[in-house]
Amino acid sequence: MITTRTRGAAAVLGAAVVLGLTACSTGQTSSSGAGPASVAPVTGKVSLTYLQKQGDQQYFIDEANGAKAKAAELGVDLKVVNLGSDANKTVSEVQSAIAQKTNGLIVVVPDPAVGPQVVQTARDAKVALLTSDDQVCTNSPTPANCDKANLVPRIGFSGQQMGTEVGKRAAEDFKKAGWNAADTRVISASKQDVTVCGDRVKAAKEAFNIGAGASVQTIDVATDNTPTGAQDKVAATITANPGVKHWVVWGCNDENVQGGVTALQNAGVGPDNIIGVGLGAYLACKDWGPGAPSGMKASLFINGSDIGALAVQTMYDNLKNGKPMPAEAFAPTTMVDASTWQSAGVKCS
């Protein structure tokens, strides 16, 4: 049941999203060359296809629900497709959507390497293209190496801002714990070929180093961004680093941190010796619900439904009203913990 207090928090957050997106947009548009060369305005009903990676993760479920709600409000015909982690499926589903006469594509790619092919396919068909969450480059499989003018318009969150908040919170908890830097290690877990993941963990490390007041060794752990994948890789990292008493864990998403915390606890490390700071909060809150001690100390709440809704609105405004799509638009975030996640409106998966 949603309480009045939760509804109020959600309403405030919704207003903040609108303001945040207005303030954070760079003002650049798809006319910079990142989108299809020419897209005709739609005079009748708008048809959109939302292609998502890892559509069974709670964040992307929320994103899809937000997109569906906004589509219903606008009278848009929306199809949501779960791509899983299959890059090849991305290309085939883009082709299928175009064959079915979709007016616009919103894509969260499983692998940025397919970006140029997706862009070219959309351009050839003169179908509007927008990305959410992850960046896509028009002429490179690696968005990190892409000139800004060649990045496809994107709706999402600022990786740098999110990582900074995670690193700041981890540093605060580290200082409060009074741990010795010499017997502490930081685990930074992420899928290392995803640009936004790199932005997040890099910013987290920089913020932590500034705020911790001590030099703590960071161990970069390459994962597939899933809980089980992170758990396996972190377990190996623990084995390779005997004698470490205290652990700080952050990553690209909640999945990485939950997997890391689980691996540490399975190895006999107690919650008092773990500082896990997640990103998403949809998994972190599962640890807080029972009220038992947990190594997951906090998580940055990102609301996927806001991104899905805004992506549909942005595409609709472009196709129906000719409004240029911003190069990037960002939504605000909120740090939550065991005492604040419910009032913030976090949904546990």
Foldseek 3Di string as FASTA:
>chain_A
DQDPLLVVLVVVQLVQQVVQQVVPFPPDFCPLPQAAPAAAFDDDAAEEEEEEEPCVDPLNVLLVVLLVVLCVVVVHHYHYHYPHLDQVVVLVVLVVCVVVPHQAYEYDGSFLLCQLVSRVVCNVSNHTYEYEDAKHFNPHSQVVPHDLSRIGAYEYAQLLVQLLVLLQVLLVVLVVLVDDQVLEEEEEEEQVRTVSQVNNVVNSVVNNVVRNPDDHHYDYFHASLALQRLLVRLLVVDVVDPRRQAYEYEGSFQSNQNSNQVNCVVVVHDLSRAAYEGEACQAQQVVLVVPDRGVDFKYKHDRSSSRSSVVSVQSCCCNHVVDGRGSYGHRDIDMGGSVCPVSSNHHHD
